[in-house]
Amino acid sequence: MNAQVEPKQEHDAEPNFQLPIKDYHQFYRFYLTEHRNIMSRRLHVAGSSIGLYFFSKAILKRKPRYFIYGLVSG
């Protein structure tokens, strides 16, 4: 309720991206702005790790349901 709001500065302004992204430089700038928030980065790492775990389990156990679990978690 009593949280302080800091004014946005110029370097915090969202860059203007045009889709479709045509080269890697544009993609990487877009990627960095989408993952600026620490919670977004943490969720990305957790989801990717869990997805890789289930993909490897699907290969080792030869059960397709683990592949679906990996897609959902990713």
Protein backbone atom coordinates (compact mmCIF):
# COMPACT_ATOMS: atom_id res chain seq x y z
CA MET A 1 0.00 0.00 0.00
CA ASN A 2 2.79 2.42 0.83
CA ALA A 3 5.13 1.30 -1.93
CA GLN A 4 7.28 3.98 -3.47
CA VAL A 5 7.06 4.39 -7.21
CA GLU A 6 10.21 5.52 -8.92
CA PRO A 7 9.84 7.64 -12.03
CA LYS A 8 10.80 5.97 -15.28
CA GLN A 9 14.04 7.13 -16.77
CA GLU A 10 14.90 7.26 -20.46
CA HIS A 11 16.93 4.05 -20.43
CA ASP A 12 13.88 2.23 -18.97
CA ALA A 13 11.74 3.16 -21.97
CA GLU A 14 10.50 0.23 -24.02
CA PRO A 15 12.20 0.04 -27.40
CA ASN A 16 9.97 0.08 -30.45
CA PHE A 17 10.13 -3.33 -32.15
CA GLN A 18 8.62 -4.17 -35.48
CA LEU A 19 7.50 -7.71 -36.13
CA PRO A 20 8.60 -9.88 -37.78
CA ILE A 21 12.10 -9.60 -36.37
CA LYS A 22 14.52 -9.85 -39.29
CA ASP A 23 17.94 -10.43 -37.76
CA TYR A 24 19.66 -11.72 -34.66
CA HIS A 25 20.51 -8.24 -33.32
CA GLN A 26 16.84 -7.25 -33.25
CA PHE A 27 15.88 -10.59 -31.71
CA TYR A 28 18.48 -10.33 -28.94
CA ARG A 29 17.41 -6.80 -27.99
CA PHE A 30 13.79 -7.98 -27.88
CA TYR A 31 14.78 -11.04 -25.81
CA LEU A 32 16.64 -8.90 -23.27
CA THR A 33 13.72 -6.51 -22.84
CA GLU A 34 11.32 -9.42 -22.34
CA HIS A 35 13.58 -10.95 -19.68
CA ARG A 36 14.42 -7.73 -17.85
CA ASN A 37 12.33 -8.74 -14.83
CA ILE A 38 14.15 -11.07 -12.40
CA MET A 39 11.02 -13.17 -11.83
CA SER A 40 10.66 -13.72 -15.57
CA ARG A 41 14.25 -14.96 -15.77
CA ARG A 42 13.78 -17.28 -12.79
CA LEU A 43 10.58 -18.77 -14.21
CA HIS A 44 12.30 -19.24 -17.57
CA VAL A 45 15.19 -21.14 -15.98
CA ALA A 46 12.86 -23.27 -13.85
CA GLY A 47 10.52 -24.12 -16.74
CA SER A 48 13.38 -24.93 -19.10
CA SER A 49 15.11 -27.12 -16.51
CA ILE A 50 11.94 -29.05 -15.69
CA GLY A 51 11.20 -29.43 -19.41
CA LEU A 52 14.68 -30.86 -20.08
CA TYR A 53 14.27 -33.23 -17.14
CA PHE A 54 11.01 -34.61 -18.54
CA PHE A 55 12.38 -34.83 -22.10
CA SER A 56 15.32 -36.90 -20.88
CA LYS A 57 12.98 -39.05 -18.79
CA ALA A 58 10.77 -39.61 -21.85
CA ILE A 59 13.78 -40.86 -23.80
CA LEU A 60 15.10 -43.08 -21.01
CA LYS A 61 11.74 -44.57 -20.00
CA ARG A 62 10.33 -44.52 -23.56
CA LYS A 63 7.02 -43.12 -22.33
CA PRO A 64 5.43 -40.36 -24.44
CA ARG A 65 3.52 -38.87 -21.50
CA TYR A 66 6.79 -37.48 -20.11
CA PHE A 67 7.36 -35.69 -23.41
CA ILE A 68 3.98 -33.97 -22.96
CA TYR A 69 4.90 -33.04 -19.38
CA GLY A 70 8.10 -31.47 -20.72
CA LEU A 71 6.19 -29.41 -23.27
CA VAL A 72 3.73 -28.18 -20.66
CA SER A 73 6.40 -27.23 -18.13
CA GLY A 74 8.53 -25.46 -20.74
